[in-house]
PDB file of N, CA and C in Angstrom:
ATOM      1  N   MET A   1      20.070  -9.956 107.247  1.00  0.00           N
ATOM      2  CA  MET A   1      19.846 -10.802 106.058  1.00  0.00           C
ATOM      3  C   MET A   1      18.504 -10.998 105.770  1.00  0.00           C
ATOM      4  N   LYS A   2      17.983 -11.030 104.550  1.00  0.00           N
ATOM      5  CA  LYS A   2      16.592 -11.152 104.224  1.00  0.00           C
ATOM      6  C   LYS A   2      16.405 -12.800 104.126  1.00  0.00           C
ATOM      7  N   LYS A   3      15.330 -13.153 104.440  1.00  0.00           N
ATOM      8  CA  LYS A   3      15.110 -14.690 104.297  1.00  0.00           C
ATOM      9  C   LYS A   3      13.654 -15.036 103.854  1.00  0.00           C
ATOM     10  N   MET A   4      13.657 -15.904 103.026  1.00  0.00           N
ATOM     11  CA  MET A   4      12.346 -16.345 102.559  1.00  0.00           C
ATOM     12  C   MET A   4      12.226 -17.846 103.129  1.00  0.00           C
ATOM     13  N   ILE A   5      11.078 -18.107 103.746  1.00  0.00           N
ATOM     14  CA  ILE A   5      10.908 -19.371 104.334  1.00  0.00           C
ATOM     15  C   ILE A   5       9.594 -19.962 103.642  1.00  0.00           C
ATOM     16  N   ALA A   6       9.753 -21.346 103.253  1.00  0.00           N
ATOM     17  CA  ALA A   6       8.670 -22.133 102.811  1.00  0.00           C
ATOM     18  C   ALA A   6       8.564 -23.208 103.650  1.00  0.00           C
ATOM     19  N   LEU A   7       7.213 -23.259 104.059  1.00  0.00           N
ATOM     20  CA  LEU A   7       6.744 -24.228 105.103  1.00  0.00           C
ATOM     21  C   LEU A   7       5.827 -25.291 104.333  1.00  0.00           C
ATOM     22  N   TYR A   8       6.282 -26.395 104.227  1.00  0.00           N
ATOM     23  CA  TYR A   8       5.452 -27.441 103.450  1.00  0.00           C
ATOM     24  C   TYR A   8       4.782 -28.472 104.418  1.00  0.00           C
ATOM     25  N   LYS A   9       3.369 -28.618 104.276  1.00  0.00           N
ATOM     26  CA  LYS A   9       2.660 -29.625 104.820  1.00  0.00           C
ATOM     27  C   LYS A   9       3.028 -30.957 104.244  1.00  0.00           C
ATOM     28  N   ALA A  10       2.696 -32.053 105.030  1.00  0.00           N
ATOM     29  CA  ALA A  10       2.927 -33.351 104.482  1.00  0.00           C
ATOM     30  C   ALA A  10       2.300 -33.583 103.172  1.00  0.00           C
ATOM     31  N   PRO A  11       2.951 -33.950 102.089  1.00  0.00           N
ATOM     32  CA  PRO A  11       2.434 -34.352 100.842  1.00  0.00           C
ATOM     33  C   PRO A  11       1.759 -35.662 100.738  1.00  0.00           C
ATOM     34  N   GLY A  12       1.096 -36.061  99.794  1.00  0.00           N
ATOM     35  CA  GLY A  12       0.398 -37.303  99.700  1.00  0.00           C
ATOM     36  C   GLY A  12       1.467 -38.449  99.533  1.00  0.00           C
ATOM     37  N   ASP A  13       2.447 -38.238  98.803  1.00  0.00           N
ATOM     38  CA  ASP A  13       3.495 -39.158  98.574  1.00  0.00           C
ATOM     39  C   ASP A  13       4.948 -38.552  98.861  1.00  0.00           C
ATOM     40  N   ALA A  14       5.314 -38.817 100.124  1.00  0.00           N
ATOM     41  CA  ALA A  14       6.513 -38.078 100.511  1.00  0.00           C
ATOM     42  C   ALA A  14       7.796 -38.453  99.727  1.00  0.00           C
ATOM     43  N   ASP A  15       7.922 -39.602  99.350  1.00  0.00           N
ATOM     44  CA  ASP A  15       9.075 -40.026  98.458  1.00  0.00           C
ATOM     45  C   ASP A  15       9.044 -39.272  97.207  1.00  0.00           C
ATOM     46  N   ALA A  16       7.943 -39.291  96.506  1.00  0.00           N
ATOM     47  CA  ALA A  16       7.872 -38.568  95.265  1.00  0.00           C
ATOM     48  C   ALA A  16       7.943 -37.050  95.247  1.00  0.00           C
ATOM     49  N   PHE A  17       7.383 -36.551  96.396  1.00  0.00           N
ATOM     50  CA  PHE A  17       7.738 -35.208  96.764  1.00  0.00           C
ATOM     51  C   PHE A  17       9.145 -34.835  96.839  1.00  0.00           C
ATOM     52  N   MET A  18      10.042 -35.669  97.648  1.00  0.00           N
ATOM     53  CA  MET A  18      11.316 -35.343  97.834  1.00  0.00           C
ATOM     54  C   MET A  18      12.168 -35.515  96.707  1.00  0.00           C
ATOM     55  N   LYS A  19      11.881 -36.654  95.905  1.00  0.00           N
ATOM     56  CA  LYS A  19      12.624 -36.734  94.648  1.00  0.00           C
ATOM     57  C   LYS A  19      12.457 -35.578  93.669  1.00  0.00           C
ATOM     58  N   HIS A  20      11.264 -35.104  93.538  1.00  0.00           N
ATOM     59  CA  HIS A  20      11.011 -33.793  92.722  1.00  0.00           C
ATOM     60  C   HIS A  20      11.631 -32.775  93.286  1.00  0.00           C
ATOM     61  N   TYR A  21      11.601 -32.408  94.728  1.00  0.00           N
ATOM     62  CA  TYR A  21      12.260 -31.385  95.293  1.00  0.00           C
ATOM     63  C   TYR A  21      13.724 -31.365  95.062  1.00  0.00           C
ATOM     64  N   GLU A  22      14.341 -32.493  95.211  1.00  0.00           N
ATOM     65  CA  GLU A  22      15.868 -32.525  95.239  1.00  0.00           C
ATOM     66  C   GLU A  22      16.417 -32.657  93.820  1.00  0.00           C
ATOM     67  N   THR A  23      15.673 -33.226  92.786  1.00  0.00           N
ATOM     68  CA  THR A  23      16.210 -33.284  91.514  1.00  0.00           C
ATOM     69  C   THR A  23      15.715 -32.251  90.488  1.00  0.00           C
ATOM     70  N   THR A  24      14.487 -31.543  90.718  1.00  0.00           N
ATOM     71  CA  THR A  24      14.069 -30.586  89.865  1.00  0.00           C
ATOM     72  C   THR A  24      14.019 -29.225  90.522  1.00  0.00           C
ATOM     73  N   HIS A  25      13.303 -29.198  91.696  1.00  0.00           N
ATOM     74  CA  HIS A  25      13.137 -27.764  92.286  1.00  0.00           C
ATOM     75  C   HIS A  25      14.366 -27.298  92.903  1.00  0.00           C
ATOM     76  N   MET A  26      15.139 -27.896  93.562  1.00  0.00           N
ATOM     77  CA  MET A  26      16.577 -27.308  94.134  1.00  0.00           C
ATOM     78  C   MET A  26      17.356 -26.842  93.050  1.00  0.00           C
ATOM     79  N   PRO A  27      17.444 -27.436  91.934  1.00  0.00           N
ATOM     80  CA  PRO A  27      18.462 -26.989  90.928  1.00  0.00           C
ATOM     81  C   PRO A  27      17.927 -25.542  90.403  1.00  0.00           C
ATOM     82  N   LEU A  28      16.624 -25.590  90.400  1.00  0.00           N
ATOM     83  CA  LEU A  28      15.943 -24.261  89.898  1.00  0.00           C
ATOM     84  C   LEU A  28      16.344 -23.059  91.052  1.00  0.00           C
ATOM     85  N   VAL A  29      16.143 -23.437  92.304  1.00  0.00           N
ATOM     86  CA  VAL A  29      16.270 -22.517  93.437  1.00  0.00           C
ATOM     87  C   VAL A  29      17.751 -22.024  93.311  1.00  0.00           C
ATOM     88  N   GLU A  30      18.660 -22.922  93.255  1.00  0.00           N
ATOM     89  CA  GLU A  30      20.196 -22.606  93.245  1.00  0.00           C
ATOM     90  C   GLU A  30      20.487 -21.664  92.204  1.00  0.00           C
ATOM     91  N   LYS A  31      19.783 -21.524  91.124  1.00  0.00           N
ATOM     92  CA  LYS A  31      20.034 -20.448  90.065  1.00  0.00           C
ATOM     93  C   LYS A  31      19.554 -19.012  90.187  1.00  0.00           C
ATOM     94  N   ILE A  32      18.702 -18.936  91.312  1.00  0.00           N
ATOM     95  CA  ILE A  32      18.223 -17.557  91.780  1.00  0.00           C
ATOM     96  C   ILE A  32      19.380 -16.625  92.063  1.00  0.00           C
ATOM     97  N   PRO A  33      19.551 -15.417  91.329  1.00  0.00           N
ATOM     98  CA  PRO A  33      20.604 -14.647  91.623  1.00  0.00           C
ATOM     99  C   PRO A  33      20.482 -13.914  92.948  1.00  0.00           C
ATOM    100  N   GLY A  34      21.612 -13.839  93.671  1.00  0.00           N
ATOM    101  CA  GLY A  34      21.606 -13.099  94.951  1.00  0.00           C
ATOM    102  C   GLY A  34      21.396 -14.118  96.169  1.00  0.00           C
ATOM    103  N   LEU A  35      21.066 -15.258  95.818  1.00  0.00           N
ATOM    104  CA  LEU A  35      20.833 -16.310  96.862  1.00  0.00           C
ATOM    105  C   LEU A  35      22.164 -16.616  97.616  1.00  0.00           C
ATOM    106  N   VAL A  36      22.258 -16.414  98.949  1.00  0.00           N
ATOM    107  CA  VAL A  36      23.615 -16.549  99.656  1.00  0.00           C
ATOM    108  C   VAL A  36      23.487 -17.991 100.102  1.00  0.00           C
ATOM    109  N   LYS A  37      22.403 -18.540 100.637  1.00  0.00           N
ATOM    110  CA  LYS A  37      22.567 -19.819 101.344  1.00  0.00           C
ATOM    111  C   LYS A  37      21.036 -20.318 101.465  1.00  0.00           C
ATOM    112  N   THR A  38      21.010 -21.687 101.270  1.00  0.00           N
ATOM    113  CA  THR A  38      19.825 -22.406 101.362  1.00  0.00           C
ATOM    114  C   THR A  38      19.898 -23.497 102.495  1.00  0.00           C
ATOM    115  N   GLU A  39      18.970 -23.613 103.346  1.00  0.00           N
ATOM    116  CA  GLU A  39      18.867 -24.606 104.285  1.00  0.00           C
ATOM    117  C   GLU A  39      17.590 -25.473 104.257  1.00  0.00           C
ATOM    118  N   LEU A  40      17.603 -26.693 104.266  1.00  0.00           N
ATOM    119  CA  LEU A  40      16.417 -27.537 104.240  1.00  0.00           C
ATOM    120  C   LEU A  40      16.328 -28.209 105.612  1.00  0.00           C
ATOM    121  N   THR A  41      15.107 -28.460 106.019  1.00  0.00           N
ATOM    122  CA  THR A  41      14.989 -29.248 107.330  1.00  0.00           C
ATOM    123  C   THR A  41      13.689 -30.121 107.174  1.00  0.00           C
ATOM    124  N   ARG A  42      13.912 -31.361 107.223  1.00  0.00           N
ATOM    125  CA  ARG A  42      12.829 -32.322 107.127  1.00  0.00           C
ATOM    126  C   ARG A  42      12.305 -32.510 108.598  1.00  0.00           C
ATOM    127  N   ILE A  43      11.046 -32.341 108.864  1.00  0.00           N
ATOM    128  CA  ILE A  43      10.523 -32.430 110.262  1.00  0.00           C
ATOM    129  C   ILE A  43      10.062 -33.914 110.376  1.00  0.00           C
ATOM    130  N   ASP A  44      10.798 -34.302 111.550  1.00  0.00           N
ATOM    131  CA  ASP A  44      10.409 -35.692 111.975  1.00  0.00           C
ATOM    132  C   ASP A  44       9.286 -35.775 113.074  1.00  0.00           C
ATOM    133  N   ARG A  45       9.296 -34.852 113.821  1.00  0.00           N
ATOM    134  CA  ARG A  45       8.153 -34.815 114.920  1.00  0.00           C
ATOM    135  C   ARG A  45       7.878 -33.360 115.341  1.00  0.00           C
ATOM    136  N   THR A  46       6.669 -33.278 115.957  1.00  0.00           N
ATOM    137  CA  THR A  46       6.286 -31.857 116.456  1.00  0.00           C
ATOM    138  C   THR A  46       6.039 -31.954 117.898  1.00  0.00           C
ATOM    139  N   LEU A  47       6.731 -31.210 118.863  1.00  0.00           N
ATOM    140  CA  LEU A  47       6.620 -31.359 120.099  1.00  0.00           C
ATOM    141  C   LEU A  47       5.422 -30.491 120.678  1.00  0.00           C
ATOM    142  N   ILE A  48       5.209 -29.096 120.069  1.00  0.00           N
ATOM    143  CA  ILE A  48       4.245 -28.289 120.375  1.00  0.00           C
ATOM    144  C   ILE A  48       3.583 -27.648 119.293  1.00  0.00           C
ATOM    145  N   GLY A  49       2.250 -27.578 119.214  1.00  0.00           N
ATOM    146  CA  GLY A  49       1.470 -26.996 118.067  1.00  0.00           C
ATOM    147  C   GLY A  49       0.950 -27.984 117.160  1.00  0.00           C
ATOM    148  N   GLU A  50       0.425 -27.644 115.990  1.00  0.00           N
ATOM    149  CA  GLU A  50      -0.153 -28.419 115.017  1.00  0.00           C
ATOM    150  C   GLU A  50       0.726 -29.339 114.314  1.00  0.00           C
ATOM    151  N   GLN A  51       0.505 -30.501 114.182  1.00  0.00           N
ATOM    152  CA  GLN A  51       1.319 -31.540 113.428  1.00  0.00           C
ATOM    153  C   GLN A  51       0.909 -31.463 111.927  1.00  0.00           C
ATOM    154  N   GLY A  52       1.701 -32.030 111.253  1.00  0.00           N
ATOM    155  CA  GLY A  52       1.463 -32.038 109.766  1.00  0.00           C
ATOM    156  C   GLY A  52       2.531 -31.265 108.885  1.00  0.00           C
ATOM    157  N   ASN A  53       3.371 -30.643 109.473  1.00  0.00           N
ATOM    158  CA  ASN A  53       4.472 -29.960 108.831  1.00  0.00           C
ATOM    159  C   ASN A  53       5.453 -31.033 108.369  1.00  0.00           C
ATOM    160  N   PHE A  54       6.010 -30.884 107.151  1.00  0.00           N
ATOM    161  CA  PHE A  54       6.939 -31.995 106.578  1.00  0.00           C
ATOM    162  C   PHE A  54       8.371 -31.333 106.395  1.00  0.00           C
ATOM    163  N   LEU A  55       8.429 -30.177 105.753  1.00  0.00           N
ATOM    164  CA  LEU A  55       9.654 -29.661 105.254  1.00  0.00           C
ATOM    165  C   LEU A  55       9.656 -28.000 105.407  1.00  0.00           C
ATOM    166  N   ILE A  56      10.917 -27.595 105.828  1.00  0.00           N
ATOM    167  CA  ILE A  56      11.171 -26.165 105.820  1.00  0.00           C
ATOM    168  C   ILE A  56      12.280 -25.794 105.043  1.00  0.00           C
ATOM    169  N   ALA A  57      12.096 -24.940 103.995  1.00  0.00           N
ATOM    170  CA  ALA A  57      13.090 -24.464 103.206  1.00  0.00           C
ATOM    171  C   ALA A  57      13.350 -23.035 103.506  1.00  0.00           C
ATOM    172  N   GLU A  58      14.685 -22.739 103.806  1.00  0.00           N
ATOM    173  CA  GLU A  58      14.963 -21.326 104.107  1.00  0.00           C
ATOM    174  C   GLU A  58      16.124 -20.910 103.233  1.00  0.00           C
ATOM    175  N   MET A  59      15.620 -19.597 102.528  1.00  0.00           N
ATOM    176  CA  MET A  59      16.561 -19.149 101.567  1.00  0.00           C
ATOM    177  C   MET A  59      17.018 -17.712 101.903  1.00  0.00           C
ATOM    178  N   TYR A  60      18.339 -17.442 102.119  1.00  0.00           N
ATOM    179  CA  TYR A  60      19.023 -16.282 102.578  1.00  0.00           C
ATOM    180  C   TYR A  60      19.390 -15.399 101.508  1.00  0.00           C
ATOM    181  N   PHE A  61      19.196 -14.015 101.644  1.00  0.00           N
ATOM    182  CA  PHE A  61      19.573 -12.999 100.698  1.00  0.00           C
ATOM    183  C   PHE A  61      20.381 -11.925 101.663  1.00  0.00           C
ATOM    184  N   GLU A  62      21.480 -11.400 101.040  1.00  0.00           N
ATOM    185  CA  GLU A  62      22.270 -10.363 101.686  1.00  0.00           C
ATOM    186  C   GLU A  62      21.424  -9.253 102.207  1.00  0.00           C
ATOM    187  N   ASP A  63      20.488  -8.708 101.504  1.00  0.00           N
ATOM    188  CA  ASP A  63      19.694  -7.537 102.076  1.00  0.00           C
ATOM    189  C   ASP A  63      18.412  -7.426 101.055  1.00  0.00           C
ATOM    190  N   GLU A  64      17.567  -6.412 101.449  1.00  0.00           N
ATOM    191  CA  GLU A  64      16.351  -6.247 100.795  1.00  0.00           C
ATOM    192  C   GLU A  64      16.539  -5.978  99.292  1.00  0.00           C
ATOM    193  N   ALA A  65      17.509  -5.179  98.846  1.00  0.00           N
ATOM    194  CA  ALA A  65      17.840  -4.901  97.346  1.00  0.00           C
ATOM    195  C   ALA A  65      17.969  -6.171  96.735  1.00  0.00           C
ATOM    196  N   SER A  66      18.851  -6.900  97.192  1.00  0.00           N
ATOM    197  CA  SER A  66      19.231  -8.230  96.508  1.00  0.00           C
ATOM    198  C   SER A  66      18.100  -9.144  96.443  1.00  0.00           C
ATOM    199  N   PHE A  67      17.332  -9.250  97.390  1.00  0.00           N
ATOM    200  CA  PHE A  67      15.964 -10.097  97.548  1.00  0.00           C
ATOM    201  C   PHE A  67      15.055  -9.450  96.576  1.00  0.00           C
ATOM    202  N   LYS A  68      14.679  -8.268  96.409  1.00  0.00           N
ATOM    203  CA  LYS A  68      13.795  -7.715  95.594  1.00  0.00           C
ATOM    204  C   LYS A  68      14.126  -7.976  94.041  1.00  0.00           C
ATOM    205  N   ALA A  69      15.565  -7.824  93.722  1.00  0.00           N
ATOM    206  CA  ALA A  69      16.125  -8.172  92.481  1.00  0.00           C
ATOM    207  C   ALA A  69      15.812  -9.740  92.200  1.00  0.00           C
ATOM    208  N   ALA A  70      16.065 -10.486  93.139  1.00  0.00           N
ATOM    209  CA  ALA A  70      15.757 -11.946  92.927  1.00  0.00           C
ATOM    210  C   ALA A  70      14.383 -12.239  92.508  1.00  0.00           C
ATOM    211  N   LEU A  71      13.485 -11.554  93.264  1.00  0.00           N
ATOM    212  CA  LEU A  71      12.000 -11.891  92.986  1.00  0.00           C
ATOM    213  C   LEU A  71      11.731 -11.372  91.580  1.00  0.00           C
ATOM    214  N   LYS A  72      12.401 -10.492  90.949  1.00  0.00           N
ATOM    215  CA  LYS A  72      12.174 -10.002  89.563  1.00  0.00           C
ATOM    216  C   LYS A  72      12.768 -10.949  88.524  1.00  0.00           C
ATOM    217  N   SER A  73      13.569 -11.833  89.009  1.00  0.00           N
ATOM    218  CA  SER A  73      14.432 -12.531  88.013  1.00  0.00           C
ATOM    219  C   SER A  73      13.653 -13.616  87.214  1.00  0.00           C
ATOM    220  N   PRO A  74      14.116 -14.088  86.016  1.00  0.00           N
ATOM    221  CA  PRO A  74      13.423 -15.124  85.332  1.00  0.00           C
ATOM    222  C   PRO A  74      13.756 -16.515  86.001  1.00  0.00           C
ATOM    223  N   GLU A  75      14.815 -16.492  86.653  1.00  0.00           N
ATOM    224  CA  GLU A  75      15.103 -17.776  87.503  1.00  0.00           C
ATOM    225  C   GLU A  75      14.078 -17.956  88.572  1.00  0.00           C
ATOM    226  N   ASN A  76      13.668 -16.744  89.401  1.00  0.00           N
ATOM    227  CA  ASN A  76      12.609 -16.984  90.360  1.00  0.00           C
ATOM    228  C   ASN A  76      11.342 -17.239  89.757  1.00  0.00           C
ATOM    229  N   ALA A  77      11.061 -16.646  88.608  1.00  0.00           N
ATOM    230  CA  ALA A  77       9.769 -17.006  87.901  1.00  0.00           C
ATOM    231  C   ALA A  77       9.658 -18.595  87.574  1.00  0.00           C
ATOM    232  N   ALA A  78      10.745 -19.178  87.134  1.00  0.00           N
ATOM    233  CA  ALA A  78      10.861 -20.583  86.771  1.00  0.00           C
ATOM    234  C   ALA A  78      10.484 -21.485  88.054  1.00  0.00           C
ATOM    235  N   THR A  79      11.215 -20.881  89.227  1.00  0.00           N
ATOM    236  CA  THR A  79      11.124 -21.683  90.429  1.00  0.00           C
ATOM    237  C   THR A  79       9.779 -21.569  90.884  1.00  0.00           C
ATOM    238  N   GLY A  80       9.038 -20.340  90.807  1.00  0.00           N
ATOM    239  CA  GLY A  80       7.680 -20.199  91.265  1.00  0.00           C
ATOM    240  C   GLY A  80       6.779 -21.170  90.453  1.00  0.00           C
ATOM    241  N   ALA A  81       6.907 -21.168  89.166  1.00  0.00           N
ATOM    242  CA  ALA A  81       6.152 -22.047  88.363  1.00  0.00           C
ATOM    243  C   ALA A  81       6.186 -23.542  88.735  1.00  0.00           C
ATOM    244  N   ASP A  82       7.405 -23.991  88.930  1.00  0.00           N
ATOM    245  CA  ASP A  82       7.450 -25.367  89.435  1.00  0.00           C
ATOM    246  C   ASP A  82       6.936 -25.644  90.783  1.00  0.00           C
ATOM    247  N   LEU A  83       7.008 -24.617  91.704  1.00  0.00           N
ATOM    248  CA  LEU A  83       6.469 -24.723  92.977  1.00  0.00           C
ATOM    249  C   LEU A  83       4.894 -24.864  92.837  1.00  0.00           C
ATOM    250  N   ALA A  84       4.332 -24.144  92.005  1.00  0.00           N
ATOM    251  CA  ALA A  84       2.782 -24.271  91.703  1.00  0.00           C
ATOM    252  C   ALA A  84       2.533 -25.616  91.166  1.00  0.00           C
ATOM    253  N   ASN A  85       3.427 -26.163  90.534  1.00  0.00           N
ATOM    254  CA  ASN A  85       3.265 -27.509  89.776  1.00  0.00           C
ATOM    255  C   ASN A  85       3.250 -28.626  90.923  1.00  0.00           C
ATOM    256  N   PHE A  86       4.063 -28.573  91.775  1.00  0.00           N
ATOM    257  CA  PHE A  86       4.107 -29.775  92.502  1.00  0.00           C
ATOM    258  C   PHE A  86       3.712 -29.594  94.149  1.00  0.00           C
ATOM    259  N   ALA A  87       3.464 -28.272  94.589  1.00  0.00           N
ATOM    260  CA  ALA A  87       3.323 -28.001  96.060  1.00  0.00           C
ATOM    261  C   ALA A  87       2.004 -27.067  96.225  1.00  0.00           C
ATOM    262  N   GLU A  88       1.239 -26.908  95.296  1.00  0.00           N
ATOM    263  CA  GLU A  88       0.022 -25.955  95.386  1.00  0.00           C
ATOM    264  C   GLU A  88      -0.768 -26.497  96.481  1.00  0.00           C
ATOM    265  N   GLY A  89      -1.283 -25.695  97.451  1.00  0.00           N
ATOM    266  CA  GLY A  89      -2.041 -26.206  98.555  1.00  0.00           C
ATOM    267  C   GLY A  89      -1.411 -26.811  99.623  1.00  0.00           C
ATOM    268  N   ILE A  90      -0.113 -27.056  99.715  1.00  0.00           N
ATOM    269  CA  ILE A  90       0.621 -27.562 100.756  1.00  0.00           C
ATOM    270  C   ILE A  90       1.778 -26.603 101.221  1.00  0.00           C
ATOM    271  N   VAL A  91       1.884 -25.600 100.713  1.00  0.00           N
ATOM    272  CA  VAL A  91       3.067 -24.700 100.954  1.00  0.00           C
ATOM    273  C   VAL A  91       2.580 -23.329 101.285  1.00  0.00           C
ATOM    274  N   THR A  92       3.428 -22.763 102.430  1.00  0.00           N
ATOM    275  CA  THR A  92       3.062 -21.424 102.823  1.00  0.00           C
ATOM    276  C   THR A  92       4.523 -20.758 102.730  1.00  0.00           C
ATOM    277  N   VAL A  93       4.601 -19.540 102.111  1.00  0.00           N
ATOM    278  CA  VAL A  93       5.892 -18.806 101.983  1.00  0.00           C
ATOM    279  C   VAL A  93       5.815 -17.690 102.736  1.00  0.00           C
ATOM    280  N   MET A  94       6.823 -17.362 103.520  1.00  0.00           N
ATOM    281  CA  MET A  94       6.963 -16.193 104.427  1.00  0.00           C
ATOM    282  C   MET A  94       8.225 -15.406 104.218  1.00  0.00           C
ATOM    283  N   ILE A  95       8.321 -14.159 104.395  1.00  0.00           N
ATOM    284  CA  ILE A  95       9.590 -13.412 104.238  1.00  0.00           C
ATOM    285  C   ILE A  95       9.763 -12.617 105.598  1.00  0.00           C
ATOM    286  N   GLY A  96      11.017 -12.665 106.025  1.00  0.00           N
ATOM    287  CA  GLY A  96      11.488 -12.135 107.162  1.00  0.00           C
ATOM    288  C   GLY A  96      12.920 -11.435 107.209  1.00  0.00           C
ATOM    289  N   GLU A  97      13.250 -10.950 108.365  1.00  0.00           N
ATOM    290  CA  GLU A  97      14.508 -10.492 108.469  1.00  0.00           C
ATOM    291  C   GLU A  97      15.271 -11.145 109.605  1.00  0.00           C
ATOM    292  N   THR A  98      16.522 -11.801 109.321  1.00  0.00           N
ATOM    293  CA  THR A  98      17.133 -12.450 110.561  1.00  0.00           C
ATOM    294  C   THR A  98      17.455 -11.382 111.669  1.00  0.00           C
ATOM    295  N   LEU A  99      17.523 -11.759 112.864  1.00  0.00           N
ATOM    296  CA  LEU A  99      17.827 -10.902 113.938  1.00  0.00           C
ATOM    297  C   LEU A  99      19.300 -11.137 114.346  1.00  0.00           C
TER     298      LEU A  99
END
């Protein structure tokens, strides 16, 4: 499976961030075509490495073709525009293949 991972650093206002994420951003994410599954993990502590990470969002796609089609969709464009609105400077987005 193809996976997109968004790693968020701690926002200035965690409650406002989560409210926006859950009520505005996730409904946009869920409309992306080809999305098979989404997992969210809120980080409560770091055992090894740099602290400051707050949330991990993992979005799964069946294969490379469905992932590429999703990237070109208007739904993904809307999601990206929202991301730039509330998470610019605190998010890193990575793409990978599950093993």
